[in-house]
C-alpha atoms as a PDB file:
ATOM      1  CA  MET A   1      -5.372  17.906  13.305  1.00  0.00           C
ATOM      2  CA  THR A   2      -2.854  16.074  11.134  1.00  0.00           C
ATOM      3  CA  ARG A   3      -1.834  17.823   7.925  1.00  0.00           C
ATOM      4  CA  VAL A   4      -1.566  15.306   5.078  1.00  0.00           C
ATOM      5  CA  LEU A   5       0.086  15.664   1.670  1.00  0.00           C
ATOM      6  CA  VAL A   6      -1.145  13.271  -1.030  1.00  0.00           C
ATOM      7  CA  SER A   7       1.112  12.394  -3.971  1.00  0.00           C
ATOM      8  CA  GLY A   8      -0.827  10.941  -6.885  1.00  0.00           C
ATOM      9  CA  ALA A   9      -3.822  13.032  -5.852  1.00  0.00           C
ATOM     10  CA  THR A  10      -5.639  12.966  -9.196  1.00  0.00           C
ATOM     11  CA  GLY A  11      -5.387   9.199  -9.665  1.00  0.00           C
ATOM     12  CA  LYS A  12      -8.099   6.579  -9.226  1.00  0.00           C
ATOM     13  CA  LEU A  13      -6.953   5.911  -5.668  1.00  0.00           C
ATOM     14  CA  GLY A  14      -5.555   9.322  -4.796  1.00  0.00           C
ATOM     15  CA  ALA A  15      -8.760  11.226  -5.572  1.00  0.00           C
ATOM     16  CA  PRO A  16     -11.013   9.329  -3.103  1.00  0.00           C
ATOM     17  CA  ILE A  17      -8.271   9.453  -0.451  1.00  0.00           C
ATOM     18  CA  CYS A  18      -8.094  13.246  -0.834  1.00  0.00           C
ATOM     19  CA  ALA A  19     -11.883  13.493  -0.538  1.00  0.00           C
ATOM     20  CA  ALA A  20     -11.889  11.356   2.613  1.00  0.00           C
ATOM     21  CA  ILE A  21      -9.116  13.416   4.218  1.00  0.00           C
ATOM     22  CA  SER A  22     -11.033  16.621   3.468  1.00  0.00           C
ATOM     23  CA  ALA A  23     -14.165  15.156   5.076  1.00  0.00           C
ATOM     24  CA  ALA A  24     -12.403  13.888   8.223  1.00  0.00           C
ATOM     25  CA  ASP A  25     -12.657  15.868  11.445  1.00  0.00           C
ATOM     26  CA  ASP A  26      -9.101  15.087  12.555  1.00  0.00           C
ATOM     27  CA  LEU A  27      -7.234  15.469   9.242  1.00  0.00           C
ATOM     28  CA  VAL A  28      -6.376  18.377   6.939  1.00  0.00           C
ATOM     29  CA  LEU A  29      -5.499  18.034   3.256  1.00  0.00           C
ATOM     30  CA  ALA A  30      -2.319  20.118   3.244  1.00  0.00           C
ATOM     31  CA  GLY A  31      -1.706  19.693  -0.469  1.00  0.00           C
ATOM     32  CA  ARG A  32      -2.217  17.614  -3.587  1.00  0.00           C
ATOM     33  CA  VAL A  33       0.590  16.441  -5.860  1.00  0.00           C
ATOM     34  CA  ALA A  34       0.235  15.362  -9.498  1.00  0.00           C
ATOM     35  CA  ARG A  35       2.036  16.282 -12.709  1.00  0.00           C
ATOM     36  CA  SER A  36      -1.122  17.989 -14.003  1.00  0.00           C
ATOM     37  CA  LEU A  37      -1.478  20.304 -10.986  1.00  0.00           C
ATOM     38  CA  SER A  38      -0.090  23.784 -10.412  1.00  0.00           C
ATOM     39  CA  GLY A  39      -0.944  27.027  -8.658  1.00  0.00           C
ATOM     40  CA  ASP A  40      -3.825  26.938  -6.203  1.00  0.00           C
ATOM     41  CA  ALA A  41      -4.871  23.458  -7.397  1.00  0.00           C
ATOM     42  CA  GLY A  42      -1.721  21.777  -6.101  1.00  0.00           C
ATOM     43  CA  PHE A  43       1.884  20.934  -6.921  1.00  0.00           C
ATOM     44  CA  ALA A  44       3.493  19.255  -9.909  1.00  0.00           C
ATOM     45  CA  THR A  45       6.290  17.655  -7.876  1.00  0.00           C
ATOM     46  CA  LEU A  46       6.524  16.175  -4.405  1.00  0.00           C
ATOM     47  CA  GLU A  47       9.627  18.199  -3.569  1.00  0.00           C
ATOM     48  CA  ALA A  48       7.781  21.454  -4.298  1.00  0.00           C
ATOM     49  CA  ALA A  49       4.809  20.318  -2.230  1.00  0.00           C
ATOM     50  CA  ILE A  50       6.948  19.442   0.787  1.00  0.00           C
ATOM     51  CA  ALA A  51       8.654  22.821   0.588  1.00  0.00           C
ATOM     52  CA  GLY A  52       5.393  24.697   0.074  1.00  0.00           C
ATOM     53  CA  THR A  53       3.236  23.128   2.779  1.00  0.00           C
ATOM     54  CA  ALA A  54       3.453  22.380   6.483  1.00  0.00           C
ATOM     55  CA  ALA A  55       2.613  18.713   5.947  1.00  0.00           C
ATOM     56  CA  GLU A  56       3.056  16.254   8.808  1.00  0.00           C
ATOM     57  CA  VAL A  57       2.419  13.003   6.902  1.00  0.00           C
ATOM     58  CA  VAL A  58       2.905  12.157   3.219  1.00  0.00           C
ATOM     59  CA  VAL A  59       0.871   9.558   1.320  1.00  0.00           C
ATOM     60  CA  ASP A  60       2.174   8.283  -2.027  1.00  0.00           C
ATOM     61  CA  VAL A  61      -0.122   6.436  -4.442  1.00  0.00           C
ATOM     62  CA  THR A  62       1.645   7.090  -7.742  1.00  0.00           C
ATOM     63  CA  ALA A  63       3.520   4.666 -10.008  1.00  0.00           C
ATOM     64  CA  PRO A  64       5.981   1.835  -9.221  1.00  0.00           C
ATOM     65  CA  ASP A  65       9.001   3.730 -10.545  1.00  0.00           C
ATOM     66  CA  ALA A  66       8.196   6.764  -8.386  1.00  0.00           C
ATOM     67  CA  GLY A  67       7.613   5.037  -5.044  1.00  0.00           C
ATOM     68  CA  VAL A  68      11.233   4.758  -3.905  1.00  0.00           C
ATOM     69  CA  PRO A  69      12.455   8.245  -4.956  1.00  0.00           C
ATOM     70  CA  HIS A  70       9.332   9.860  -3.490  1.00  0.00           C
ATOM     71  CA  THR A  71       9.835   7.995  -0.225  1.00  0.00           C
ATOM     72  CA  LEU A  72      13.499   8.980  -0.018  1.00  0.00           C
ATOM     73  CA  ALA A  73      12.585  12.635  -0.652  1.00  0.00           C
ATOM     74  CA  THR A  74       9.986  12.463   2.121  1.00  0.00           C
ATOM     75  CA  ILE A  75      12.463  10.873   4.529  1.00  0.00           C
ATOM     76  CA  ALA A  76      15.036  13.552   3.691  1.00  0.00           C
ATOM     77  CA  ALA A  77      12.452  16.147   4.751  1.00  0.00           C
ATOM     78  CA  GLY A  78      11.979  14.339   8.070  1.00  0.00           C
ATOM     79  CA  LEU A  79       8.363  13.357   7.391  1.00  0.00           C
ATOM     80  CA  PRO A  80       6.609  10.001   7.929  1.00  0.00           C
ATOM     81  CA  MET A  81       5.458   8.281   4.736  1.00  0.00           C
ATOM     82  CA  VAL A  82       2.515   6.016   3.945  1.00  0.00           C
ATOM     83  CA  LEU A  83       3.594   4.275   0.743  1.00  0.00           C
ATOM     84  CA  GLY A  84       0.725   2.727  -1.180  1.00  0.00           C
ATOM     85  CA  THR A  85       2.644   2.415  -4.442  1.00  0.00           C
ATOM     86  CA  THR A  86       3.523  -1.209  -5.180  1.00  0.00           C
ATOM     87  CA  GLY A  87       6.343  -2.629  -7.274  1.00  0.00           C
ATOM     88  CA  MET A  88       9.120  -1.962  -4.732  1.00  0.00           C
ATOM     89  CA  THR A  89      12.194  -4.176  -5.122  1.00  0.00           C
ATOM     90  CA  PRO A  90      14.133  -5.709  -2.203  1.00  0.00           C
ATOM     91  CA  GLU A  91      16.958  -3.287  -2.985  1.00  0.00           C
ATOM     92  CA  GLY A  92      14.548  -0.351  -2.819  1.00  0.00           C
ATOM     93  CA  ALA A  93      13.139  -1.595   0.467  1.00  0.00           C
ATOM     94  CA  ALA A  94      16.628  -1.871   1.959  1.00  0.00           C
ATOM     95  CA  GLU A  95      17.500   1.652   0.820  1.00  0.00           C
ATOM     96  CA  ILE A  96      14.291   3.050   2.323  1.00  0.00           C
ATOM     97  CA  ASP A  97      14.776   1.212   5.608  1.00  0.00           C
ATOM     98  CA  ALA A  98      18.359   2.451   6.013  1.00  0.00           C
ATOM     99  CA  ALA A  99      17.402   6.035   5.198  1.00  0.00           C
ATOM    100  CA  ALA A 100      14.368   5.997   7.523  1.00  0.00           C
ATOM    101  CA  LEU A 101      16.382   4.588  10.408  1.00  0.00           C
ATOM    102  CA  ALA A 102      19.091   7.191   9.914  1.00  0.00           C
ATOM    103  CA  ALA A 103      16.531  10.009   9.781  1.00  0.00           C
ATOM    104  CA  GLY A 104      14.467   8.673  12.665  1.00  0.00           C
ATOM    105  CA  VAL A 105      11.167   8.562  10.761  1.00  0.00           C
ATOM    106  CA  PRO A 106       8.711   5.718  10.085  1.00  0.00           C
ATOM    107  CA  VAL A 107       7.676   4.493   6.639  1.00  0.00           C
ATOM    108  CA  LEU A 108       4.683   2.190   6.257  1.00  0.00           C
ATOM    109  CA  PHE A 109       4.534   0.280   2.982  1.00  0.00           C
ATOM    110  CA  VAL A 110       0.960  -0.904   2.386  1.00  0.00           C
ATOM    111  CA  PRO A 111       0.596  -3.446  -0.451  1.00  0.00           C
ATOM    112  CA  ASN A 112      -3.200  -3.246  -0.096  1.00  0.00           C
ATOM    113  CA  PHE A 113      -5.325  -0.720   1.817  1.00  0.00           C
ATOM    114  CA  SER A 114      -8.405  -2.974   1.788  1.00  0.00           C
ATOM    115  CA  ILE A 115      -9.248  -4.279   5.269  1.00  0.00           C
ATOM    116  CA  THR A 116     -10.733  -7.463   3.787  1.00  0.00           C
ATOM    117  CA  ALA A 117      -7.573  -8.033   1.747  1.00  0.00           C
ATOM    118  CA  VAL A 118      -5.467  -7.695   4.885  1.00  0.00           C
ATOM    119  CA  LEU A 119      -7.677 -10.255   6.623  1.00  0.00           C
ATOM    120  CA  MET A 120      -7.384 -12.546   3.581  1.00  0.00           C
ATOM    121  CA  MET A 121      -3.601 -12.476   3.914  1.00  0.00           C
ATOM    122  CA  ARG A 122      -3.792 -13.146   7.640  1.00  0.00           C
ATOM    123  CA  PHE A 123      -6.158 -16.097   7.157  1.00  0.00           C
ATOM    124  CA  ALA A 124      -3.926 -17.454   4.371  1.00  0.00           C
ATOM    125  CA  ALA A 125      -0.908 -17.439   6.665  1.00  0.00           C
ATOM    126  CA  GLN A 126      -2.888 -19.336   9.282  1.00  0.00           C
ATOM    127  CA  ALA A 127      -4.097 -21.922   6.747  1.00  0.00           C
ATOM    128  CA  ALA A 128      -0.589 -22.427   5.362  1.00  0.00           C
ATOM    129  CA  ARG A 129       0.519 -23.893   8.697  1.00  0.00           C
ATOM    130  CA  PHE A 130      -1.718 -26.881   7.998  1.00  0.00           C
ATOM    131  CA  LEU A 131      -1.988 -26.808   4.174  1.00  0.00           C
ATOM    132  CA  PRO A 132       1.386 -26.010   2.607  1.00  0.00           C
ATOM    133  CA  ASP A 133       0.248 -26.854  -0.957  1.00  0.00           C
ATOM    134  CA  CYS A 134      -0.822 -23.386  -2.078  1.00  0.00           C
ATOM    135  CA  ALA A 135      -1.281 -21.199  -5.164  1.00  0.00           C
ATOM    136  CA  ILE A 136      -2.311 -17.566  -5.608  1.00  0.00           C
ATOM    137  CA  VAL A 137      -4.412 -16.094  -8.423  1.00  0.00           C
ATOM    138  CA  GLU A 138      -4.529 -12.293  -8.544  1.00  0.00           C
ATOM    139  CA  GLU A 139      -6.895 -10.426 -10.881  1.00  0.00           C
ATOM    140  CA  HIS A 140      -6.637  -6.728 -11.690  1.00  0.00           C
ATOM    141  CA  HIS A 141      -7.681  -4.052 -14.170  1.00  0.00           C
ATOM    142  CA  VAL A 142      -5.783  -3.827 -17.457  1.00  0.00           C
ATOM    143  CA  ALA A 143      -4.049  -0.575 -16.507  1.00  0.00           C
ATOM    144  CA  LYS A 144      -2.199  -2.087 -13.544  1.00  0.00           C
ATOM    145  CA  VAL A 145       1.506  -1.805 -14.282  1.00  0.00           C
ATOM    146  CA  ASP A 146       3.134  -4.236 -11.875  1.00  0.00           C
ATOM    147  CA  SER A 147       2.661  -7.994 -12.123  1.00  0.00           C
ATOM    148  CA  PRO A 148       2.412  -9.904  -9.836  1.00  0.00           C
ATOM    149  CA  SER A 149       0.617  -7.407  -7.641  1.00  0.00           C
ATOM    150  CA  GLY A 150       2.060  -6.198  -4.373  1.00  0.00           C
ATOM    151  CA  THR A 151      -0.742  -7.970  -2.529  1.00  0.00           C
ATOM    152  CA  ALA A 152       0.095 -11.286  -4.166  1.00  0.00           C
ATOM    153  CA  LEU A 153       3.780 -10.916  -3.358  1.00  0.00           C
ATOM    154  CA  ARG A 154       3.009 -10.018   0.252  1.00  0.00           C
ATOM    155  CA  THR A 155       0.646 -12.997   0.538  1.00  0.00           C
ATOM    156  CA  ALA A 156       3.324 -15.284  -0.873  1.00  0.00           C
ATOM    157  CA  ASP A 157       5.810 -13.950   1.699  1.00  0.00           C
ATOM    158  CA  LEU A 158       3.407 -14.657   4.562  1.00  0.00           C
ATOM    159  CA  VAL A 159       2.575 -18.146   3.304  1.00  0.00           C
ATOM    160  CA  GLU A 160       6.254 -18.967   2.879  1.00  0.00           C
ATOM    161  CA  GLU A 161       7.013 -17.715   6.395  1.00  0.00           C
ATOM    162  CA  ALA A 162       4.246 -19.953   7.747  1.00  0.00           C
ATOM    163  CA  CYS A 163       5.030 -23.207   5.953  1.00  0.00           C
ATOM    164  CA  GLY A 164       8.450 -22.890   4.292  1.00  0.00           C
ATOM    165  CA  ARG A 165       7.116 -23.216   0.737  1.00  0.00           C
ATOM    166  CA  ARG A 166       6.567 -20.293  -1.622  1.00  0.00           C
ATOM    167  CA  PRO A 167       3.319 -20.546  -3.614  1.00  0.00           C
ATOM    168  CA  GLU A 168       3.104 -19.997  -7.350  1.00  0.00           C
ATOM    169  CA  ILE A 169       1.360 -16.796  -8.470  1.00  0.00           C
ATOM    170  CA  ALA A 170      -0.847 -16.423 -11.556  1.00  0.00           C
ATOM    171  CA  SER A 171      -1.749 -12.910 -12.739  1.00  0.00           C
ATOM    172  CA  VAL A 172      -4.867 -11.959 -14.704  1.00  0.00           C
ATOM    173  CA  ARG A 173      -5.498  -8.563 -16.312  1.00  0.00           C
ATOM    174  CA  LEU A 174      -9.034  -7.986 -17.635  1.00  0.00           C
ATOM    175  CA  GLU A 175     -11.263  -5.040 -18.433  1.00  0.00           C
ATOM    176  CA  GLY A 176     -13.933  -4.560 -15.772  1.00  0.00           C
ATOM    177  CA  LEU A 177     -11.887  -5.853 -12.845  1.00  0.00           C
ATOM    178  CA  VAL A 178     -10.706  -3.674  -9.958  1.00  0.00           C
ATOM    179  CA  ALA A 179      -8.667  -5.895  -7.615  1.00  0.00           C
ATOM    180  CA  ASN A 180      -9.431  -9.499  -6.662  1.00  0.00           C
ATOM    181  CA  GLN A 181      -7.315 -12.303  -5.246  1.00  0.00           C
ATOM    182  CA  SER A 182      -7.791 -15.984  -4.442  1.00  0.00           C
ATOM    183  CA  VAL A 183      -5.476 -18.036  -2.259  1.00  0.00           C
ATOM    184  CA  LEU A 184      -5.984 -21.730  -3.004  1.00  0.00           C
ATOM    185  CA  PHE A 185      -4.948 -24.589  -0.732  1.00  0.00           C
ATOM    186  CA  GLY A 186      -5.046 -28.270  -1.643  1.00  0.00           C
ATOM    187  CA  SER A 187      -4.945 -31.456   0.397  1.00  0.00           C
ATOM    188  CA  SER A 188      -6.135 -35.035   0.058  1.00  0.00           C
ATOM    189  CA  ALA A 189      -9.748 -34.995  -1.239  1.00  0.00           C
ATOM    190  CA  GLN A 190     -10.276 -31.355  -0.171  1.00  0.00           C
ATOM    191  CA  THR A 191      -9.449 -27.779  -1.082  1.00  0.00           C
ATOM    192  CA  LEU A 192      -9.750 -24.410   0.587  1.00  0.00           C
ATOM    193  CA  GLU A 193     -10.178 -21.085  -1.198  1.00  0.00           C
ATOM    194  CA  ILE A 194      -9.785 -17.725   0.544  1.00  0.00           C
ATOM    195  CA  ARG A 195     -10.970 -14.978  -1.806  1.00  0.00           C
ATOM    196  CA  ASN A 196     -11.121 -11.214  -1.631  1.00  0.00           C
ATOM    197  CA  VAL A 197     -13.200  -9.229  -4.155  1.00  0.00           C
ATOM    198  CA  THR A 198     -12.982  -5.464  -4.577  1.00  0.00           C
ATOM    199  CA  THR A 199     -15.730  -3.783  -6.595  1.00  0.00           C
ATOM    200  CA  SER A 200     -14.687  -0.146  -6.121  1.00  0.00           C
ATOM    201  CA  ARG A 201     -11.594   1.760  -5.070  1.00  0.00           C
ATOM    202  CA  GLU A 202     -13.679   3.222  -2.255  1.00  0.00           C
ATOM    203  CA  ALA A 203     -12.815  -0.043  -0.472  1.00  0.00           C
ATOM    204  CA  PHE A 204      -9.262   1.240  -0.004  1.00  0.00           C
ATOM    205  CA  VAL A 205     -10.206   4.508   1.726  1.00  0.00           C
ATOM    206  CA  PRO A 206     -10.809   3.275   5.325  1.00  0.00           C
ATOM    207  CA  GLY A 207      -7.459   1.477   5.307  1.00  0.00           C
ATOM    208  CA  ALA A 208      -5.689   4.533   3.941  1.00  0.00           C
ATOM    209  CA  LEU A 209      -7.133   6.676   6.736  1.00  0.00           C
ATOM    210  CA  LEU A 210      -6.092   4.044   9.283  1.00  0.00           C
ATOM    211  CA  ALA A 211      -2.523   4.182   7.949  1.00  0.00           C
ATOM    212  CA  ILE A 212      -2.455   7.989   7.996  1.00  0.00           C
ATOM    213  CA  ARG A 213      -3.710   8.118  11.573  1.00  0.00           C
ATOM    214  CA  GLY A 214      -1.394   5.367  12.790  1.00  0.00           C
ATOM    215  CA  ILE A 215       1.881   5.979  10.961  1.00  0.00           C
ATOM    216  CA  ARG A 216       3.371   8.186  13.693  1.00  0.00           C
ATOM    217  CA  THR A 217       2.895   5.453  16.309  1.00  0.00           C
ATOM    218  CA  LEU A 218       5.448   3.254  14.507  1.00  0.00           C
ATOM    219  CA  ALA A 219       9.163   3.178  15.232  1.00  0.00           C
ATOM    220  CA  PRO A 220      11.665   4.621  12.740  1.00  0.00           C
ATOM    221  CA  GLY A 221      12.405   2.417   9.726  1.00  0.00           C
ATOM    222  CA  LEU A 222      10.417   0.565   7.078  1.00  0.00           C
ATOM    223  CA  HIS A 223       7.306  -1.361   8.117  1.00  0.00           C
ATOM    224  CA  VAL A 224       5.217  -3.553   5.807  1.00  0.00           C
ATOM    225  CA  GLY A 225       1.489  -4.204   5.971  1.00  0.00           C
ATOM    226  CA  LEU A 226      -1.622  -2.499   7.253  1.00  0.00           C
ATOM    227  CA  GLU A 227      -2.093  -5.390   9.661  1.00  0.00           C
ATOM    228  CA  LEU A 228       0.478  -3.740  11.937  1.00  0.00           C
ATOM    229  CA  LEU A 229      -2.172  -1.152  12.816  1.00  0.00           C
ATOM    230  CA  LEU A 230      -5.129  -3.526  13.164  1.00  0.00           C
ATOM    231  CA  ASP A 231      -4.160  -5.161  16.446  1.00  0.00           C
END
C-alpha cells in the first residue's frame, strides 16, 4: 500500500483524486492539504502535512505560484512528487531538477493527466514530422490562471522537437469549458486536426493514479509527461 499526500485536496481536481485514492485497493490517502483544512480534516500547509504523516508520495494540484516551492519542500523531505500544477518556468524546472538529482528522488511533472490528451500530444508529434505548418488552439474554463496552458506548451515543445518549427498558440477562456485543445496542421489543399475534448475533471483521475503508482519507478531528477509511464 502506497501512502499518498494530496496538496490542493479541496480543489476541482484534488477532490476527485482524493476520492479515487481512498477507493483504490493499493493506495492510502495519508493526508489532505489545503488552506481551509485543519485538525482531523487535514493540513493547512504542505510542510505540516509532510511532518505529520508517513506519506510515501506527494501529489500537488494547487496553483502555478505554489508548484515550485511545494516541489522543493517535498524533495527536501526525500519524497517523490507528482506535480500536476502547471505554469512552471524553465528556471523553476532547472531548480527542481538540480534539487531532485541531489536528493536522489524523482519528480514527475504532468502538464495533463488525461490519457486522451497525452495521446493527442503523441499523435501531434508524429504528424509534425510530415506537416510542419502547425497551430495550437487551447480552450479552458474562465478560472484557469495560466495562459497558454501547460498542455499547449508541452505540445508545442513536442512539435518543435519533431519538425524544428514552434507552432503559434491561441488561448480561449469561456464559461462552460473544462479543458479542450486542437492541434491544426496545414498543407497544400488539405488540413489535419487532432482534437481532445474534456467534459469533466473525472477524465484526469486515471492518469493521476497512473502517475502515483509509477513515480517511484523513475530515476532521480525531473521528468516531464505522463507518456513516460504509458509504454
